[in-house]
C-alpha atoms as a PDB file:
ATOM      1  CA  MET A   1       0.106   0.047   0.024  1.00  0.00           C
ATOM      2  CA  PRO A   2       1.485   3.496  -1.128  1.00  0.00           C
ATOM      3  CA  LYS A   3       1.893   6.189   1.648  1.00  0.00           C
ATOM      4  CA  MET A   4      -0.855   8.548   2.073  1.00  0.00           C
ATOM      5  CA  LYS A   5       0.056  12.205   1.043  1.00  0.00           C
ATOM      6  CA  THR A   6      -0.182  14.943   3.838  1.00  0.00           C
ATOM      7  CA  LYS A   7      -2.051  17.808   2.683  1.00  0.00           C
ATOM      8  CA  ARG A   8       0.614  20.471   2.851  1.00  0.00           C
ATOM      9  CA  ALA A   9      -1.510  23.506   3.313  1.00  0.00           C
ATOM     10  CA  ALA A  10      -3.028  22.031   6.573  1.00  0.00           C
ATOM     11  CA  SER A  11       0.493  20.898   7.809  1.00  0.00           C
ATOM     12  CA  LYS A  12       1.449  24.718   7.546  1.00  0.00           C
ATOM     13  CA  ARG A  13      -1.287  26.061   9.526  1.00  0.00           C
ATOM     14  CA  LEU A  14      -1.935  23.338  11.974  1.00  0.00           C
ATOM     15  CA  ARG A  15       0.059  21.680  14.655  1.00  0.00           C
ATOM     16  CA  VAL A  16      -0.839  18.599  16.905  1.00  0.00           C
ATOM     17  CA  THR A  17      -0.570  18.840  20.436  1.00  0.00           C
ATOM     18  CA  GLY A  18       0.918  16.254  22.786  1.00  0.00           C
ATOM     19  CA  SER A  19      -2.511  14.899  23.761  1.00  0.00           C
ATOM     20  CA  GLY A  20      -3.545  14.858  20.274  1.00  0.00           C
ATOM     21  CA  LYS A  21      -5.731  17.732  20.157  1.00  0.00           C
ATOM     22  CA  ILE A  22      -5.277  20.037  17.126  1.00  0.00           C
ATOM     23  CA  ARG A  23      -4.040  23.749  17.446  1.00  0.00           C
ATOM     24  CA  ARG A  24      -4.631  26.262  14.942  1.00  0.00           C
ATOM     25  CA  GLY A  25      -4.138  30.126  14.671  1.00  0.00           C
ATOM     26  CA  SER A  26      -6.666  32.869  15.164  1.00  0.00           C
ATOM     27  CA  ALA A  27      -8.486  34.583  12.231  1.00  0.00           C
ATOM     28  CA  ARG A  28      -9.307  38.088  11.872  1.00  0.00           C
ATOM     29  CA  LEU A  29      -5.718  39.424  12.482  1.00  0.00           C
ATOM     30  CA  SER A  30      -4.302  39.950   9.247  1.00  0.00           C
ATOM     31  CA  HIS A  31      -5.492  43.841   8.353  1.00  0.00           C
ATOM     32  CA  LEU A  32      -7.907  46.797   9.466  1.00  0.00           C
ATOM     33  CA  MET A  33      -5.977  46.415  13.031  1.00  0.00           C
ATOM     34  CA  ARG A  34      -6.941  50.197  13.748  1.00  0.00           C
ATOM     35  CA  GLY A  35     -10.501  49.280  14.443  1.00  0.00           C
ATOM     36  CA  LYS A  36      -9.522  46.621  16.987  1.00  0.00           C
ATOM     37  CA  SER A  37      -8.826  47.513  20.619  1.00  0.00           C
ATOM     38  CA  ALA A  38      -5.354  46.508  21.845  1.00  0.00           C
ATOM     39  CA  SER A  39      -6.791  43.905  24.139  1.00  0.00           C
ATOM     40  CA  ARG A  40      -8.535  42.312  21.252  1.00  0.00           C
ATOM     41  CA  ARG A  41      -5.437  42.056  19.091  1.00  0.00           C
ATOM     42  CA  ARG A  42      -3.432  40.418  21.892  1.00  0.00           C
ATOM     43  CA  LYS A  43      -5.898  37.761  22.437  1.00  0.00           C
ATOM     44  CA  LEU A  44      -5.800  37.151  18.809  1.00  0.00           C
ATOM     45  CA  ARG A  45      -2.193  36.468  18.916  1.00  0.00           C
ATOM     46  CA  LYS A  46      -2.820  33.246  20.999  1.00  0.00           C
ATOM     47  CA  HIS A  47      -3.603  30.066  19.388  1.00  0.00           C
ATOM     48  CA  ASP A  48      -6.855  28.184  19.915  1.00  0.00           C
ATOM     49  CA  LEU A  49      -7.827  24.759  19.407  1.00  0.00           C
ATOM     50  CA  VAL A  50      -9.990  23.153  16.730  1.00  0.00           C
ATOM     51  CA  ALA A  51     -13.356  22.110  17.811  1.00  0.00           C
ATOM     52  CA  PRO A  52     -14.121  18.753  18.622  1.00  0.00           C
ATOM     53  CA  ALA A  53     -16.558  18.440  15.952  1.00  0.00           C
ATOM     54  CA  ASP A  54     -14.224  19.316  13.282  1.00  0.00           C
ATOM     55  CA  GLU A  55     -11.348  17.639  14.684  1.00  0.00           C
ATOM     56  CA  LYS A  56     -11.692  14.028  12.619  1.00  0.00           C
ATOM     57  CA  ARG A  57     -11.737  16.105   9.372  1.00  0.00           C
ATOM     58  CA  PHE A  58      -8.690  17.918  10.013  1.00  0.00           C
ATOM     59  CA  LYS A  59      -6.827  14.484  11.676  1.00  0.00           C
ATOM     60  CA  ARG A  60      -7.722  13.101   7.968  1.00  0.00           C
ATOM     61  CA  LEU A  61      -5.770  15.854   6.436  1.00  0.00           C
ATOM     62  CA  LEU A  62      -2.954  15.085   8.655  1.00  0.00           C
ATOM     63  CA  PRO A  63      -2.495  11.355   8.661  1.00  0.00           C
ATOM     64  CA  TYR A  64       1.252  11.180  10.052  1.00  0.00           C
ATOM     65  CA  ASP A  65       1.149  13.738  12.509  1.00  0.00           C
ATOM     66  CA  CYS A  66      -1.888  12.395  14.537  1.00  0.00           C
END
C-alpha cells in the first residue's frame, strides 16, 4: 500500500498537541487592525484549539502527525 500524502496547506496551518488535539491560529488578524482594541489584538495572537466536531476532518488531512 502506498504512503498517504499529507495536505501541505493543512500542515503549515495546524499543529498537533501532545495529547492529540489540533491547534490553529486565530482569524481576523491580517488587516484592519486600527479598528480593533489592543486587548482584542493581544488575544487574537494566541493559538486556539480546533472544535471537537471538526477534529476528525482535520486529522484526516494530517495522517502522520496524529
